Structure formats: C-alpha cells, structure tokens
PDB file of all heavy atoms in Angstrom:
ATOM      1  N   LEU A   1     102.650  35.469 357.241  1.00  0.00           N
ATOM      2  CA  LEU A   1     103.397  35.769 356.021  1.00  0.00           C
ATOM      3  C   LEU A   1     104.885  35.848 356.355  1.00  0.00           C
ATOM      4  O   LEU A   1     105.306  36.642 357.205  1.00  0.00           O
ATOM      5  CB  LEU A   1     102.938  37.091 355.410  1.00  0.00           C
ATOM      6  CG  LEU A   1     103.694  37.533 354.141  1.00  0.00           C
ATOM      7  CD1 LEU A   1     103.519  36.510 353.030  1.00  0.00           C
ATOM      8  CD2 LEU A   1     103.220  38.910 353.680  1.00  0.00           C
ATOM      9  N   LEU A   2     105.673  35.017 355.697  1.00  0.00           N
ATOM     10  CA  LEU A   2     107.112  34.969 355.903  1.00  0.00           C
ATOM     11  C   LEU A   2     107.796  35.398 354.614  1.00  0.00           C
ATOM     12  O   LEU A   2     107.678  34.707 353.592  1.00  0.00           O
ATOM     13  CB  LEU A   2     107.545  33.534 356.273  1.00  0.00           C
ATOM     14  CG  LEU A   2     106.752  32.840 357.381  1.00  0.00           C
ATOM     15  CD1 LEU A   2     107.113  31.376 357.457  1.00  0.00           C
ATOM     16  CD2 LEU A   2     106.990  33.526 358.729  1.00  0.00           C
ATOM     17  N   ILE A   3     108.485  36.535 354.625  1.00  0.00           N
ATOM     18  CA  ILE A   3     109.170  37.023 353.427  1.00  0.00           C
ATOM     19  C   ILE A   3     110.670  37.091 353.691  1.00  0.00           C
ATOM     20  O   ILE A   3     111.131  37.829 354.561  1.00  0.00           O
ATOM     21  CB  ILE A   3     108.650  38.405 352.986  1.00  0.00           C
ATOM     22  CG1 ILE A   3     107.164  38.321 352.628  1.00  0.00           C
ATOM     23  CG2 ILE A   3     109.431  38.907 351.791  1.00  0.00           C
ATOM     24  CD1 ILE A   3     106.611  39.534 351.918  1.00  0.00           C
ATOM     25  N   ASP A   4     111.418  36.307 352.944  1.00  0.00           N
ATOM     26  CA  ASP A   4     112.858  36.181 353.084  1.00  0.00           C
ATOM     27  C   ASP A   4     113.561  37.113 352.084  1.00  0.00           C
ATOM     28  O   ASP A   4     113.123  37.241 350.944  1.00  0.00           O
ATOM     29  CB  ASP A   4     113.239  34.718 352.786  1.00  0.00           C
ATOM     30  CG  ASP A   4     114.515  34.282 353.460  1.00  0.00           C
ATOM     31  OD1 ASP A   4     115.132  35.084 354.172  1.00  0.00           O
ATOM     32  OD2 ASP A   4     114.900  33.114 353.268  1.00  0.00           O
ATOM     33  N   ASP A   5     114.625  37.746 352.521  1.00  0.00           N
ATOM     34  CA  ASP A   5     115.433  38.619 351.648  1.00  0.00           C
ATOM     35  C   ASP A   5     114.595  39.729 351.004  1.00  0.00           C
ATOM     36  O   ASP A   5     114.519  39.851 349.775  1.00  0.00           O
ATOM     37  CB  ASP A   5     116.134  37.787 350.563  1.00  0.00           C
ATOM     38  CG  ASP A   5     117.284  36.968 351.140  1.00  0.00           C
ATOM     39  OD1 ASP A   5     117.964  37.475 352.037  1.00  0.00           O
ATOM     40  OD2 ASP A   5     117.497  35.840 350.669  1.00  0.00           O
ATOM     41  N   ILE A   6     113.991  40.527 351.834  1.00  0.00           N
ATOM     42  CA  ILE A   6     113.116  41.604 351.353  1.00  0.00           C
ATOM     43  C   ILE A   6     113.899  42.654 350.565  1.00  0.00           C
ATOM     44  O   ILE A   6     113.320  43.439 349.798  1.00  0.00           O
ATOM     45  CB  ILE A   6     112.377  42.273 352.548  1.00  0.00           C
ATOM     46  CG1 ILE A   6     111.223  43.164 352.073  1.00  0.00           C
ATOM     47  CG2 ILE A   6     113.340  43.068 353.398  1.00  0.00           C
ATOM     48  CD1 ILE A   6     110.102  42.445 351.376  1.00  0.00           C
ATOM     49  N   GLN A   7     115.228  42.681 350.707  1.00  0.00           N
ATOM     50  CA  GLN A   7     116.028  43.695 350.008  1.00  0.00           C
ATOM     51  C   GLN A   7     115.890  43.618 348.497  1.00  0.00           C
ATOM     52  O   GLN A   7     116.160  44.592 347.789  1.00  0.00           O
ATOM     53  CB  GLN A   7     117.514  43.594 350.396  1.00  0.00           C
ATOM     54  CG  GLN A   7     118.255  42.399 349.874  1.00  0.00           C
ATOM     55  CD  GLN A   7     118.182  41.199 350.791  1.00  0.00           C
ATOM     56  OE1 GLN A   7     117.450  41.218 351.784  1.00  0.00           O
ATOM     57  NE2 GLN A   7     118.938  40.142 350.509  1.00  0.00           N
ATOM     58  N   PHE A   8     115.438  42.475 347.971  1.00  0.00           N
ATOM     59  CA  PHE A   8     115.278  42.349 346.518  1.00  0.00           C
ATOM     60  C   PHE A   8     114.101  43.169 345.993  1.00  0.00           C
ATOM     61  O   PHE A   8     113.946  43.331 344.778  1.00  0.00           O
ATOM     62  CB  PHE A   8     115.109  40.878 346.134  1.00  0.00           C
ATOM     63  CG  PHE A   8     116.400  40.108 346.177  1.00  0.00           C
ATOM     64  CD1 PHE A   8     116.674  39.260 347.223  1.00  0.00           C
ATOM     65  CD2 PHE A   8     117.337  40.252 345.177  1.00  0.00           C
ATOM     66  CE1 PHE A   8     117.885  38.555 347.283  1.00  0.00           C
ATOM     67  CE2 PHE A   8     118.526  39.555 345.210  1.00  0.00           C
ATOM     68  CZ  PHE A   8     118.807  38.714 346.265  1.00  0.00           C
ATOM     69  N   VAL A   9     113.285  43.694 346.890  1.00  0.00           N
ATOM     70  CA  VAL A   9     112.148  44.526 346.470  1.00  0.00           C
ATOM     71  C   VAL A   9     112.600  45.972 346.235  1.00  0.00           C
ATOM     72  O   VAL A   9     111.894  46.756 345.600  1.00  0.00           O
ATOM     73  CB  VAL A   9     111.031  44.444 347.533  1.00  0.00           C
ATOM     74  CG1 VAL A   9     109.893  45.398 347.227  1.00  0.00           C
ATOM     75  CG2 VAL A   9     110.511  43.015 347.650  1.00  0.00           C
ATOM     76  N   ILE A  10     113.781  46.325 346.752  1.00  0.00           N
ATOM     77  CA  ILE A  10     114.279  47.700 346.640  1.00  0.00           C
ATOM     78  C   ILE A  10     114.365  48.132 345.172  1.00  0.00           C
ATOM     79  O   ILE A  10     114.850  47.380 344.327  1.00  0.00           O
ATOM     80  CB  ILE A  10     115.674  47.823 347.286  1.00  0.00           C
ATOM     81  CG1 ILE A  10     115.563  47.652 348.802  1.00  0.00           C
ATOM     82  CG2 ILE A  10     116.315  49.175 346.971  1.00  0.00           C
ATOM     83  CD1 ILE A  10     116.891  47.615 349.519  1.00  0.00           C
ATOM     84  N   GLY A  11     113.893  49.335 344.914  1.00  0.00           N
ATOM     85  CA  GLY A  11     113.995  49.899 343.572  1.00  0.00           C
ATOM     86  C   GLY A  11     112.887  49.481 342.627  1.00  0.00           C
ATOM     87  O   GLY A  11     112.824  49.961 341.498  1.00  0.00           O
ATOM     88  N   LYS A  12     111.993  48.608 343.059  1.00  0.00           N
ATOM     89  CA  LYS A  12     110.889  48.150 342.203  1.00  0.00           C
ATOM     90  C   LYS A  12     109.605  48.785 342.714  1.00  0.00           C
ATOM     91  O   LYS A  12     108.975  48.273 343.648  1.00  0.00           O
ATOM     92  CB  LYS A  12     110.808  46.619 342.216  1.00  0.00           C
ATOM     93  CG  LYS A  12     112.101  45.951 341.723  1.00  0.00           C
ATOM     94  CD  LYS A  12     112.006  44.453 341.861  1.00  0.00           C
ATOM     95  CE  LYS A  12     113.257  43.772 341.294  1.00  0.00           C
ATOM     96  NZ  LYS A  12     114.471  44.058 342.070  1.00  0.00           N
ATOM     97  N   GLU A  13     109.197  49.869 342.099  1.00  0.00           N
ATOM     98  CA  GLU A  13     108.103  50.692 342.628  1.00  0.00           C
ATOM     99  C   GLU A  13     106.789  49.941 342.743  1.00  0.00           C
ATOM    100  O   GLU A  13     106.103  50.025 343.764  1.00  0.00           O
ATOM    101  CB  GLU A  13     107.931  51.946 341.755  1.00  0.00           C
ATOM    102  CG  GLU A  13     109.093  52.919 341.851  1.00  0.00           C
ATOM    103  CD  GLU A  13     108.854  54.194 341.067  1.00  0.00           C
ATOM    104  OE1 GLU A  13     107.711  54.384 340.608  1.00  0.00           O
ATOM    105  OE2 GLU A  13     109.802  54.968 340.905  1.00  0.00           O
ATOM    106  N   ALA A  14     106.418  49.205 341.690  1.00  0.00           N
ATOM    107  CA  ALA A  14     105.144  48.488 341.720  1.00  0.00           C
ATOM    108  C   ALA A  14     105.137  47.423 342.803  1.00  0.00           C
ATOM    109  O   ALA A  14     104.144  47.238 343.518  1.00  0.00           O
ATOM    110  CB  ALA A  14     104.863  47.850 340.357  1.00  0.00           C
ATOM    111  N   THR A  15     106.270  46.744 342.955  1.00  0.00           N
ATOM    112  CA  THR A  15     106.378  45.696 343.977  1.00  0.00           C
ATOM    113  C   THR A  15     106.324  46.295 345.374  1.00  0.00           C
ATOM    114  O   THR A  15     105.661  45.767 346.268  1.00  0.00           O
ATOM    115  CB  THR A  15     107.681  44.901 343.808  1.00  0.00           C
ATOM    116  OG1 THR A  15     107.785  44.452 342.461  1.00  0.00           O
ATOM    117  CG2 THR A  15     107.694  43.697 344.720  1.00  0.00           C
ATOM    118  N   GLN A  16     107.024  47.411 345.576  1.00  0.00           N
ATOM    119  CA  GLN A  16     106.994  48.085 346.870  1.00  0.00           C
ATOM    120  C   GLN A  16     105.576  48.518 347.224  1.00  0.00           C
ATOM    121  O   GLN A  16     105.138  48.398 348.374  1.00  0.00           O
ATOM    122  CB  GLN A  16     107.923  49.305 346.868  1.00  0.00           C
ATOM    123  CG  GLN A  16     109.391  48.950 346.938  1.00  0.00           C
ATOM    124  CD  GLN A  16     110.289  50.168 347.094  1.00  0.00           C
ATOM    125  OE1 GLN A  16     111.489  50.079 347.012  1.00  0.00           O
ATOM    126  NE2 GLN A  16     109.697  51.330 347.327  1.00  0.00           N
ATOM    127  N   GLU A  17     104.850  49.039 346.232  1.00  0.00           N
ATOM    128  CA  GLU A  17     103.481  49.495 346.460  1.00  0.00           C
ATOM    129  C   GLU A  17     102.585  48.321 346.870  1.00  0.00           C
ATOM    130  O   GLU A  17     101.798  48.407 347.819  1.00  0.00           O
ATOM    131  CB  GLU A  17     102.934  50.155 345.201  1.00  0.00           C
ATOM    132  CG  GLU A  17     101.570  50.802 345.355  1.00  0.00           C
ATOM    133  CD  GLU A  17     101.609  52.071 346.199  1.00  0.00           C
ATOM    134  OE1 GLU A  17     102.703  52.650 346.372  1.00  0.00           O
ATOM    135  OE2 GLU A  17     100.536  52.452 346.706  1.00  0.00           O
ATOM    136  N   GLU A  18     102.733  47.211 346.153  1.00  0.00           N
ATOM    137  CA  GLU A  18     101.923  46.018 346.458  1.00  0.00           C
ATOM    138  C   GLU A  18     102.299  45.452 347.832  1.00  0.00           C
ATOM    139  O   GLU A  18     101.432  45.046 348.600  1.00  0.00           O
ATOM    140  CB  GLU A  18     102.139  44.960 345.372  1.00  0.00           C
ATOM    141  CG  GLU A  18     101.125  43.823 345.408  1.00  0.00           C
ATOM    142  CD  GLU A  18      99.692  44.302 345.179  1.00  0.00           C
ATOM    143  OE1 GLU A  18      99.469  45.120 344.276  1.00  0.00           O
ATOM    144  OE2 GLU A  18      98.793  43.845 345.919  1.00  0.00           O
ATOM    145  N   PHE A  19     103.596  45.436 348.116  1.00  0.00           N
ATOM    146  CA  PHE A  19     104.031  44.937 349.421  1.00  0.00           C
ATOM    147  C   PHE A  19     103.483  45.811 350.549  1.00  0.00           C
ATOM    148  O   PHE A  19     103.044  45.303 351.584  1.00  0.00           O
ATOM    149  CB  PHE A  19     105.556  44.900 349.494  1.00  0.00           C
ATOM    150  CG  PHE A  19     106.072  44.583 350.870  1.00  0.00           C
ATOM    151  CD1 PHE A  19     106.024  43.281 351.348  1.00  0.00           C
ATOM    152  CD2 PHE A  19     106.577  45.580 351.691  1.00  0.00           C
ATOM    153  CE1 PHE A  19     106.471  42.976 352.618  1.00  0.00           C
ATOM    154  CE2 PHE A  19     107.031  45.290 352.957  1.00  0.00           C
ATOM    155  CZ  PHE A  19     106.974  43.980 353.418  1.00  0.00           C
ATOM    156  N   PHE A  20     103.499  47.132 350.352  1.00  0.00           N
ATOM    157  CA  PHE A  20     102.992  48.047 351.361  1.00  0.00           C
ATOM    158  C   PHE A  20     101.534  47.740 351.699  1.00  0.00           C
ATOM    159  O   PHE A  20     101.150  47.663 352.866  1.00  0.00           O
ATOM    160  CB  PHE A  20     103.133  49.495 350.877  1.00  0.00           C
ATOM    161  CG  PHE A  20     102.501  50.504 351.784  1.00  0.00           C
ATOM    162  CD1 PHE A  20     103.138  50.915 352.945  1.00  0.00           C
ATOM    163  CD2 PHE A  20     101.259  51.056 351.487  1.00  0.00           C
ATOM    164  CE1 PHE A  20     102.554  51.846 353.789  1.00  0.00           C
ATOM    165  CE2 PHE A  20     100.672  51.989 352.318  1.00  0.00           C
ATOM    166  CZ  PHE A  20     101.320  52.387 353.481  1.00  0.00           C
ATOM    167  N   HIS A  21     100.715  47.569 350.678  1.00  0.00           N
ATOM    168  CA  HIS A  21      99.287  47.310 350.915  1.00  0.00           C
ATOM    169  C   HIS A  21      99.059  45.912 351.503  1.00  0.00           C
ATOM    170  O   HIS A  21      98.167  45.731 352.347  1.00  0.00           O
ATOM    171  CB  HIS A  21      98.504  47.502 349.613  1.00  0.00           C
ATOM    172  CG  HIS A  21      98.452  48.925 349.152  1.00  0.00           C
ATOM    173  ND1 HIS A  21      97.881  49.933 349.892  1.00  0.00           N
ATOM    174  CD2 HIS A  21      98.931  49.528 348.020  1.00  0.00           C
ATOM    175  CE1 HIS A  21      97.978  51.078 349.249  1.00  0.00           C
ATOM    176  NE2 HIS A  21      98.627  50.859 348.115  1.00  0.00           N
ATOM    177  N   THR A  22      99.858  44.953 351.087  1.00  0.00           N
ATOM    178  CA  THR A  22      99.766  43.614 351.664  1.00  0.00           C
ATOM    179  C   THR A  22     100.128  43.660 353.142  1.00  0.00           C
ATOM    180  O   THR A  22      99.434  43.089 353.997  1.00  0.00           O
ATOM    181  CB  THR A  22     100.703  42.632 350.931  1.00  0.00           C
ATOM    182  OG1 THR A  22     100.287  42.540 349.564  1.00  0.00           O
ATOM    183  CG2 THR A  22     100.681  41.246 351.560  1.00  0.00           C
ATOM    184  N   PHE A  23     101.232  44.333 353.446  1.00  0.00           N
ATOM    185  CA  PHE A  23     101.698  44.484 354.828  1.00  0.00           C
ATOM    186  C   PHE A  23     100.604  45.127 355.681  1.00  0.00           C
ATOM    187  O   PHE A  23     100.275  44.641 356.772  1.00  0.00           O
ATOM    188  CB  PHE A  23     102.960  45.334 354.846  1.00  0.00           C
ATOM    189  CG  PHE A  23     103.595  45.468 356.197  1.00  0.00           C
ATOM    190  CD1 PHE A  23     104.726  44.736 356.524  1.00  0.00           C
ATOM    191  CD2 PHE A  23     103.074  46.348 357.138  1.00  0.00           C
ATOM    192  CE1 PHE A  23     105.313  44.868 357.770  1.00  0.00           C
ATOM    193  CE2 PHE A  23     103.652  46.479 358.391  1.00  0.00           C
ATOM    194  CZ  PHE A  23     104.782  45.737 358.710  1.00  0.00           C
ATOM    195  N   ASN A  24     100.044  46.241 355.191  1.00  0.00           N
ATOM    196  CA  ASN A  24      99.007  46.951 355.935  1.00  0.00           C
ATOM    197  C   ASN A  24      97.793  46.074 356.207  1.00  0.00           C
ATOM    198  O   ASN A  24      97.257  46.053 357.313  1.00  0.00           O
ATOM    199  CB  ASN A  24      98.582  48.215 355.179  1.00  0.00           C
ATOM    200  CG  ASN A  24      99.319  49.433 355.669  1.00  0.00           C
ATOM    201  OD1 ASN A  24     100.192  49.333 356.510  1.00  0.00           O
ATOM    202  ND2 ASN A  24      98.953  50.590 355.133  1.00  0.00           N
ATOM    203  N   ALA A  25      97.338  45.362 355.174  1.00  0.00           N
ATOM    204  CA  ALA A  25      96.145  44.523 355.320  1.00  0.00           C
ATOM    205  C   ALA A  25      96.362  43.450 356.394  1.00  0.00           C
ATOM    206  O   ALA A  25      95.481  43.224 357.234  1.00  0.00           O
ATOM    207  CB  ALA A  25      95.814  43.866 353.982  1.00  0.00           C
ATOM    208  N   LEU A  26      97.502  42.818 356.368  1.00  0.00           N
ATOM    209  CA  LEU A  26      97.795  41.763 357.345  1.00  0.00           C
ATOM    210  C   LEU A  26      98.008  42.345 358.745  1.00  0.00           C
ATOM    211  O   LEU A  26      97.538  41.787 359.743  1.00  0.00           O
ATOM    212  CB  LEU A  26      99.018  40.967 356.916  1.00  0.00           C
ATOM    213  CG  LEU A  26      98.852  40.149 355.631  1.00  0.00           C
ATOM    214  CD1 LEU A  26     100.179  39.493 355.256  1.00  0.00           C
ATOM    215  CD2 LEU A  26      97.781  39.089 355.789  1.00  0.00           C
ATOM    216  N   TYR A  27      98.731  43.434 358.802  1.00  0.00           N
ATOM    217  CA  TYR A  27      99.031  44.043 360.118  1.00  0.00           C
ATOM    218  C   TYR A  27      97.747  44.498 360.808  1.00  0.00           C
ATOM    219  O   TYR A  27      97.572  44.278 362.019  1.00  0.00           O
ATOM    220  CB  TYR A  27      99.985  45.215 359.931  1.00  0.00           C
ATOM    221  CG  TYR A  27     100.412  45.849 361.227  1.00  0.00           C
ATOM    222  CD1 TYR A  27     101.337  45.223 362.060  1.00  0.00           C
ATOM    223  CD2 TYR A  27      99.898  47.092 361.622  1.00  0.00           C
ATOM    224  CE1 TYR A  27     101.732  45.791 363.254  1.00  0.00           C
ATOM    225  CE2 TYR A  27     100.276  47.671 362.824  1.00  0.00           C
ATOM    226  CZ  TYR A  27     101.200  47.029 363.632  1.00  0.00           C
ATOM    227  OH  TYR A  27     101.585  47.602 364.817  1.00  0.00           O
ATOM    228  N   MET A  28      96.845  45.149 360.056  1.00  0.00           N
ATOM    229  CA  MET A  28      95.591  45.618 360.647  1.00  0.00           C
ATOM    230  C   MET A  28      94.713  44.466 361.088  1.00  0.00           C
ATOM    231  O   MET A  28      93.929  44.594 362.017  1.00  0.00           O
ATOM    232  CB  MET A  28      94.838  46.506 359.636  1.00  0.00           C
ATOM    233  CG  MET A  28      95.568  47.786 359.275  1.00  0.00           C
ATOM    234  SD  MET A  28      95.980  48.804 360.716  1.00  0.00           S
ATOM    235  CE  MET A  28      94.337  49.304 361.242  1.00  0.00           C
ATOM    236  N   ALA A  29      94.862  43.314 360.428  1.00  0.00           N
ATOM    237  CA  ALA A  29      94.085  42.128 360.793  1.00  0.00           C
ATOM    238  C   ALA A  29      94.788  41.293 361.870  1.00  0.00           C
ATOM    239  O   ALA A  29      94.323  40.212 362.223  1.00  0.00           O
ATOM    240  CB  ALA A  29      93.842  41.255 359.558  1.00  0.00           C
TER     241      ALA A  29
END
C-alpha cells in the first residue's frame, strides 16, 4: 500500500479511523 500526501487525511475523523484500521490490518499481515 502506497499512500502519497497523507497530510490530507488530517482533521477528517472518519477517514483517520478507516486509515487506522487499514494500516493495522496490513501491518499485522
């Protein structure tokens, strides 16, 4: 997973929550 300019997620609670769970799922795998 390649995510460019992650700073655009700042301040968007739903997006941050989804990103957190996506990150965790990939990292654990």
